[in-house]
Amino acid sequence: MNSATVAPRTRARRGHRPDPSGPTMAGRVRKQLTSRAASLVALLIGIMWTLPTLGLLVSSFRPSLKIRTSGWWTAFNPDDMEFTTRNYTDVLFGETGDLSQYFLNSLVITVPSVLFPIFFGAIAAYALSWMKWRGRDWVFIGIFALQVVPLQMCLIPLLEMFSSFGLEGTDRFVTVWLAHTMFALPLCIFLLHNFMSELPGELFEAARVDGADHSRIFRSIALPLIIPALASFGIFQFLWVWNDLLVGMVFAGGTPDTGPLTAALAELAGTRGTQWQRLTAGAFVSLVVPMAVFLSLQRYFIRGLLAGGLKG
């Protein structure tokens, strides 16, 4: 074989670029997931997942007699079409529902229960990522291990601890804030540590050369760069606390003074299980705020989920 034959083959091999949808496993999976059949399956799954929510929404605007005598899909029939907003007014301000106070209680419980873990978790994540001190790795391993402990096992010891510290007779919002903060900190520190540890070390070195201490570096450099991670965890924590029933009932109670919205919905389901028009309206009242929070922080949520997967 002469050099004239080898040269074109060598140039062809050097100029060859692998096809991303080639015979590799990743290429085959990518091709299958982007096919028309996969798109059709995803569309069908989305429709099936959305149908029960659509039925709940339609039922929340139907009179009680229509709900008892016909299915929600008959509401689109011109002969059976009848809608009303009485269900929402009855649930929010009526004597049988009155969820407005529970709604405010959930806001009072949820907002501090989201801000406290983010504040303390960000400080702890910075200390575990960029401050050198003895036993740092062991502390991080211990924090990671705390995620495995079920919170149901911690309720009674936590109640006893609050009682020994004299917090049992104080405002019950304080105890539920502390409980949600304690349960959220392990995951918060773990996620923020993984995000913060991948920040460029040159930024911190340059700040130290300019004379900045850890407090200034944390406020001016680290905190602005981890906003996507903070928003991602904030969404998860908000949804968890807003939809929580167990911790809220144990530490805040189910009374209108301090009880969360989920406690009122559970009472509606337990004592008025046949009043579907109130249950459906109450479900969508509880859905408004989490949906608004998610839509407002959606761009940060996507960036926070993708952070750490790619570098550069």
Protein backbone atom coordinates (compact mmCIF):
# COMPACT_ATOMS: atom_id res chain seq x y z
CA MET A 1 0.00 0.00 0.00
CA ASN A 2 1.56 3.28 -1.07
CA SER A 3 1.51 6.62 0.66
CA ALA A 4 -1.01 8.04 -1.81
CA THR A 5 -3.60 5.55 -0.61
CA VAL A 6 -2.88 6.04 3.09
CA ALA A 7 -3.05 9.82 3.03
CA PRO A 8 -6.70 10.16 1.93
CA ARG A 9 -7.80 7.58 4.51
CA THR A 10 -5.86 9.35 7.22
CA ARG A 11 -7.35 12.68 6.27
CA ALA A 12 -10.80 11.11 6.19
CA ARG A 13 -10.36 9.68 9.67
CA ARG A 14 -9.06 12.95 11.02
CA GLY A 15 -11.88 14.94 9.48
CA HIS A 16 -14.56 12.51 10.60
CA ARG A 17 -16.95 13.76 13.25
CA PRO A 18 -19.01 11.25 15.24
CA ASP A 19 -22.72 11.41 14.62
CA PRO A 20 -24.57 12.15 17.91
CA SER A 21 -27.36 9.82 16.76
CA GLY A 22 -24.92 7.12 15.71
CA PRO A 23 -24.62 3.53 16.87
CA THR A 24 -23.64 4.46 20.46
CA MET A 25 -26.01 3.77 23.33
CA ALA A 26 -26.47 7.47 24.08
CA GLY A 27 -27.22 8.20 20.44
CA ARG A 28 -29.83 5.45 20.22
CA VAL A 29 -31.54 6.59 23.41
CA ARG A 30 -31.52 10.20 22.23
CA LYS A 31 -33.01 9.20 18.91
CA GLN A 32 -35.75 7.16 20.55
CA LEU A 33 -36.66 9.91 23.03
CA THR A 34 -36.95 12.51 20.27
CA SER A 35 -39.01 10.38 17.91
CA ARG A 36 -42.64 11.06 17.05
CA ALA A 37 -43.79 7.99 18.97
CA ALA A 38 -42.05 9.21 22.13
CA SER A 39 -43.58 12.67 21.71
CA LEU A 40 -47.02 11.12 21.28
CA VAL A 41 -46.58 8.99 24.43
CA ALA A 42 -45.44 12.05 26.41
CA LEU A 43 -48.47 13.97 25.16
CA LEU A 44 -50.84 11.17 26.20
CA ILE A 45 -49.24 10.96 29.64
CA GLY A 46 -49.60 14.71 30.05
CA ILE A 47 -53.28 14.59 29.11
CA MET A 48 -53.98 11.68 31.46
CA TRP A 49 -52.14 13.48 34.27
CA THR A 50 -54.07 16.72 33.69
CA LEU A 51 -57.58 15.26 33.33
CA PRO A 52 -58.25 14.73 37.06
CA THR A 53 -57.12 18.29 37.81
CA LEU A 54 -59.37 19.60 35.04
CA GLY A 55 -62.28 17.65 36.48
CA LEU A 56 -61.56 19.08 39.92
CA LEU A 57 -61.51 22.61 38.50
CA VAL A 58 -64.78 22.18 36.62
CA SER A 59 -66.45 20.63 39.67
CA SER A 60 -65.40 23.56 41.86
CA PHE A 61 -67.63 25.87 39.76
CA ARG A 62 -70.65 23.55 39.55
CA PRO A 63 -73.65 23.56 41.89
CA SER A 64 -73.87 20.77 44.43
CA LEU A 65 -76.94 19.22 42.77
CA LYS A 66 -75.16 18.98 39.42
CA ILE A 67 -72.12 17.36 41.02
CA ARG A 68 -74.25 14.69 42.71
CA THR A 69 -76.34 13.82 39.66
CA SER A 70 -73.86 14.00 36.76
CA GLY A 71 -70.17 13.76 35.92
CA TRP A 72 -67.96 16.79 35.50
CA TRP A 73 -67.61 16.19 31.75
CA THR A 74 -71.33 16.85 31.28
CA ALA A 75 -70.72 20.48 32.24
CA PHE A 76 -69.67 21.14 28.64
CA ASN A 77 -73.06 20.00 27.38
CA PRO A 78 -75.13 23.11 26.50
CA ASP A 79 -78.23 21.58 28.10
CA ASP A 80 -76.39 20.88 31.40
CA MET A 81 -74.06 23.87 31.52
CA GLU A 82 -74.38 25.76 34.81
CA PHE A 83 -71.55 27.41 36.73
CA THR A 84 -71.40 29.37 39.97
CA THR A 85 -68.83 31.01 42.26
CA ARG A 86 -70.84 30.29 45.38
CA ASN A 87 -68.59 27.36 46.29
CA TYR A 88 -65.59 29.65 46.67
CA THR A 89 -67.44 32.32 48.66
CA ASP A 90 -68.90 29.64 50.91
CA VAL A 91 -65.51 28.04 51.53
CA LEU A 92 -63.60 31.28 52.08
CA PHE A 93 -66.11 33.37 53.99
CA GLY A 94 -69.11 31.15 54.80
CA GLU A 95 -69.98 29.61 58.13
CA THR A 96 -69.46 26.07 56.85
CA GLY A 97 -66.00 26.69 55.51
CA ASP A 98 -64.22 29.93 56.40
CA LEU A 99 -60.81 28.96 55.05
CA SER A 100 -59.60 32.57 54.93
CA GLN A 101 -58.07 32.43 58.43
CA TYR A 102 -56.44 29.07 57.73
CA PHE A 103 -55.10 30.53 54.49
CA LEU A 104 -53.42 33.37 56.39
CA ASN A 105 -52.08 30.89 58.94
CA SER A 106 -50.44 28.87 56.16
CA LEU A 107 -48.78 32.02 54.85
CA VAL A 108 -47.51 32.89 58.32
CA ILE A 109 -46.17 29.35 58.76
CA THR A 110 -44.69 28.90 55.28
CA VAL A 111 -42.80 32.14 54.62
CA PRO A 112 -40.53 32.03 57.72
CA SER A 113 -40.17 28.25 57.36
CA VAL A 114 -38.67 28.88 53.91
CA LEU A 115 -36.50 31.89 54.75
CA PHE A 116 -34.92 30.48 57.93
CA PRO A 117 -33.48 27.30 56.33
CA ILE A 118 -32.22 29.27 53.34
CA PHE A 119 -30.45 31.80 55.59
CA PHE A 120 -28.80 29.31 57.93
CA GLY A 121 -28.21 26.75 55.19
CA ALA A 122 -26.36 29.24 52.97
CA ILE A 123 -24.07 30.25 55.84
CA ALA A 124 -23.37 26.61 56.74
CA ALA A 125 -22.76 25.69 53.10
CA TYR A 126 -20.20 28.47 52.75
CA ALA A 127 -18.44 27.37 55.94
CA LEU A 128 -18.30 23.78 54.71
CA SER A 129 -17.12 24.75 51.24
CA TRP A 130 -14.60 27.59 51.61
CA MET A 131 -13.55 27.76 55.26
CA LYS A 132 -10.83 25.42 56.49
CA TRP A 133 -11.36 24.01 59.97
CA ARG A 134 -10.79 20.69 61.68
CA GLY A 135 -13.51 18.07 61.26
CA ARG A 136 -15.20 19.83 58.36
CA ASP A 137 -15.61 16.69 56.25
CA TRP A 138 -16.99 14.67 59.15
CA VAL A 139 -19.55 17.37 59.90
CA PHE A 140 -20.67 17.33 56.26
CA ILE A 141 -21.01 13.53 56.35
CA GLY A 142 -23.11 13.81 59.51
CA ILE A 143 -25.37 16.42 57.90
CA PHE A 144 -25.76 14.19 54.86
CA ALA A 145 -26.67 11.23 57.08
CA LEU A 146 -29.43 13.23 58.79
CA GLN A 147 -31.43 13.14 55.57
CA VAL A 148 -31.99 9.42 56.07
CA VAL A 149 -33.74 9.85 59.44
CA PRO A 150 -37.56 9.92 59.00
CA LEU A 151 -39.07 13.05 60.49
CA GLN A 152 -41.87 10.98 62.06
CA MET A 153 -39.29 9.54 64.48
CA CYS A 154 -38.24 13.04 65.55
CA LEU A 155 -41.64 14.49 66.45
CA ILE A 156 -41.87 13.25 70.05
CA PRO A 157 -38.20 14.01 70.95
CA LEU A 158 -38.60 17.46 69.41
CA LEU A 159 -41.77 18.12 71.41
CA GLU A 160 -39.97 17.09 74.59
CA MET A 161 -37.03 19.36 73.74
CA PHE A 162 -39.34 22.33 73.14
CA SER A 163 -41.06 21.61 76.45
CA SER A 164 -37.73 21.46 78.32
CA PHE A 165 -36.71 24.80 76.80
CA GLY A 166 -40.00 26.41 77.79
CA LEU A 167 -41.24 26.89 74.23
CA GLU A 168 -44.41 24.87 74.67
CA GLY A 169 -46.34 27.74 76.21
CA THR A 170 -45.16 30.36 73.72
CA ASP A 171 -46.64 31.27 70.37
CA ARG A 172 -47.23 28.03 68.49
CA PHE A 173 -46.00 29.58 65.27
CA VAL A 174 -42.51 29.69 66.78
CA THR A 175 -42.41 25.95 67.39
CA VAL A 176 -43.64 25.07 63.90
CA TRP A 177 -41.05 27.45 62.39
CA LEU A 178 -38.29 25.77 64.34
CA ALA A 179 -39.54 22.28 63.44
CA HIS A 180 -39.70 22.98 59.70
CA THR A 181 -36.29 24.68 59.83
CA MET A 182 -34.67 21.71 61.57
CA PHE A 183 -36.19 19.21 59.17
CA ALA A 184 -35.15 21.23 56.10
CA LEU A 185 -31.59 22.16 57.04
CA PRO A 186 -29.85 18.85 56.15
CA LEU A 187 -31.14 18.85 52.58
CA CYS A 188 -30.64 22.60 52.23
CA ILE A 189 -27.01 22.46 53.38
CA PHE A 190 -26.30 19.46 51.17
CA LEU A 191 -27.70 21.06 48.01
CA LEU A 192 -26.17 24.49 48.60
CA HIS A 193 -22.80 22.96 49.50
CA ASN A 194 -22.68 21.03 46.22
CA PHE A 195 -23.57 24.18 44.32
CA MET A 196 -21.23 26.51 46.20
CA SER A 197 -18.22 24.18 46.14
CA GLU A 198 -18.18 24.37 42.32
CA LEU A 199 -17.81 28.16 42.24
CA PRO A 200 -14.47 29.36 40.80
CA GLY A 201 -11.87 29.50 43.54
CA GLU A 202 -10.10 32.37 41.77
CA LEU A 203 -12.90 34.73 42.80
CA PHE A 204 -12.41 33.97 46.47
CA GLU A 205 -8.62 34.19 46.21
CA ALA A 206 -8.84 37.58 44.51
CA ALA A 207 -11.22 38.82 47.21
CA ARG A 208 -8.84 37.66 49.96
CA VAL A 209 -5.95 39.45 48.25
CA ASP A 210 -8.03 42.64 48.26
CA GLY A 211 -8.51 42.26 52.01
CA ALA A 212 -12.10 40.95 52.13
CA ASP A 213 -13.02 38.74 55.07
CA HIS A 214 -15.35 35.74 54.95
CA SER A 215 -18.39 37.83 55.79
CA ARG A 216 -17.76 40.22 52.89
CA ILE A 217 -16.95 37.37 50.49
CA PHE A 218 -20.15 35.57 51.43
CA ARG A 219 -22.35 38.64 50.96
CA SER A 220 -20.73 40.09 47.83
CA ILE A 221 -19.53 37.03 45.89
CA ALA A 222 -21.01 33.73 47.05
CA LEU A 223 -24.57 34.80 47.77
CA PRO A 224 -25.29 36.45 44.37
CA LEU A 225 -23.86 33.45 42.52
CA ILE A 226 -26.02 30.85 44.28
CA ILE A 227 -29.37 32.59 43.70
CA PRO A 228 -30.57 29.81 41.30
CA ALA A 229 -29.83 27.18 43.94
CA LEU A 230 -31.56 29.24 46.62
CA ALA A 231 -34.62 29.66 44.42
CA SER A 232 -34.74 25.94 43.60
CA PHE A 233 -34.61 24.91 47.24
CA GLY A 234 -37.05 27.69 48.15
CA ILE A 235 -39.62 26.27 45.73
CA PHE A 236 -39.21 22.75 47.09
CA GLN A 237 -39.42 23.95 50.69
CA PHE A 238 -42.41 26.18 50.00
CA LEU A 239 -44.34 23.33 48.41
CA TRP A 240 -43.39 20.97 51.22
CA VAL A 241 -44.42 23.31 54.04
CA TRP A 242 -47.55 24.58 52.30
CA ASN A 243 -48.83 21.05 51.64
CA ASP A 244 -47.70 19.65 54.99
CA LEU A 245 -50.30 18.33 57.42
CA LEU A 246 -48.38 16.22 59.95
CA VAL A 247 -45.87 18.79 61.23
CA GLY A 248 -48.44 21.57 61.15
CA MET A 249 -50.97 19.57 63.16
CA VAL A 250 -48.41 18.44 65.73
CA PHE A 251 -46.77 21.79 66.42
CA ALA A 252 -49.39 24.35 65.35
CA GLY A 253 -52.62 22.47 65.99
CA GLY A 254 -55.78 22.43 63.92
CA THR A 255 -57.58 25.43 65.40
CA PRO A 256 -58.44 28.51 63.31
CA ASP A 257 -55.96 30.56 65.36
CA THR A 258 -52.81 28.72 64.27
CA GLY A 259 -53.85 25.73 62.13
CA PRO A 260 -52.63 25.44 58.52
CA LEU A 261 -54.87 25.28 55.48
CA THR A 262 -54.29 21.55 55.07
CA ALA A 263 -55.86 20.97 58.49
CA ALA A 264 -59.03 22.72 57.38
CA LEU A 265 -59.12 20.73 54.15
CA ALA A 266 -58.68 17.50 56.09
CA GLU A 267 -61.57 18.50 58.32
CA LEU A 268 -63.74 19.19 55.27
CA ALA A 269 -62.88 15.80 53.85
CA GLY A 270 -63.53 14.07 57.16
CA THR A 271 -66.74 15.71 58.32
CA ARG A 272 -68.32 16.78 55.04
CA GLY A 273 -67.13 14.13 52.64
CA THR A 274 -70.31 14.46 50.58
CA GLN A 275 -69.90 18.23 50.08
CA TRP A 276 -67.74 17.85 47.00
CA GLN A 277 -68.33 21.40 45.84
CA ARG A 278 -66.59 22.72 48.98
CA LEU A 279 -63.76 20.22 48.79
CA THR A 280 -62.97 21.03 45.17
CA ALA A 281 -63.11 24.78 45.79
CA GLY A 282 -60.90 24.44 48.87
CA ALA A 283 -58.38 22.40 46.91
CA PHE A 284 -57.97 25.15 44.34
CA VAL A 285 -57.76 27.82 47.02
CA SER A 286 -54.76 25.97 48.43
CA LEU A 287 -53.25 25.63 44.94
CA VAL A 288 -53.16 29.34 44.03
CA VAL A 289 -50.17 30.45 46.11
CA PRO A 290 -47.81 27.53 45.29
CA MET A 291 -48.59 27.95 41.59
CA ALA A 292 -47.81 31.67 41.76
CA VAL A 293 -44.54 31.00 43.58
CA PHE A 294 -43.46 28.38 41.07
CA LEU A 295 -44.29 30.50 38.03
CA SER A 296 -42.49 33.54 39.43
CA LEU A 297 -39.31 31.56 40.21
CA GLN A 298 -39.44 29.15 37.27
CA ARG A 299 -36.40 30.52 35.45
CA TYR A 300 -34.27 30.21 38.59
CA PHE A 301 -35.70 26.76 39.23
CA ILE A 302 -34.49 25.38 35.89
CA ARG A 303 -31.06 26.97 36.29
CA GLY A 304 -30.74 25.59 39.80
CA LEU A 305 -31.61 22.05 38.72
CA LEU A 306 -29.10 22.12 35.87
CA ALA A 307 -26.34 23.70 37.97
CA GLY A 308 -23.51 21.34 38.79
CA GLY A 309 -24.19 19.02 35.86
CA LEU A 310 -21.92 21.00 33.53
CA LYS A 311 -18.81 23.03 34.14
CA GLY A 312 -17.40 25.91 32.22
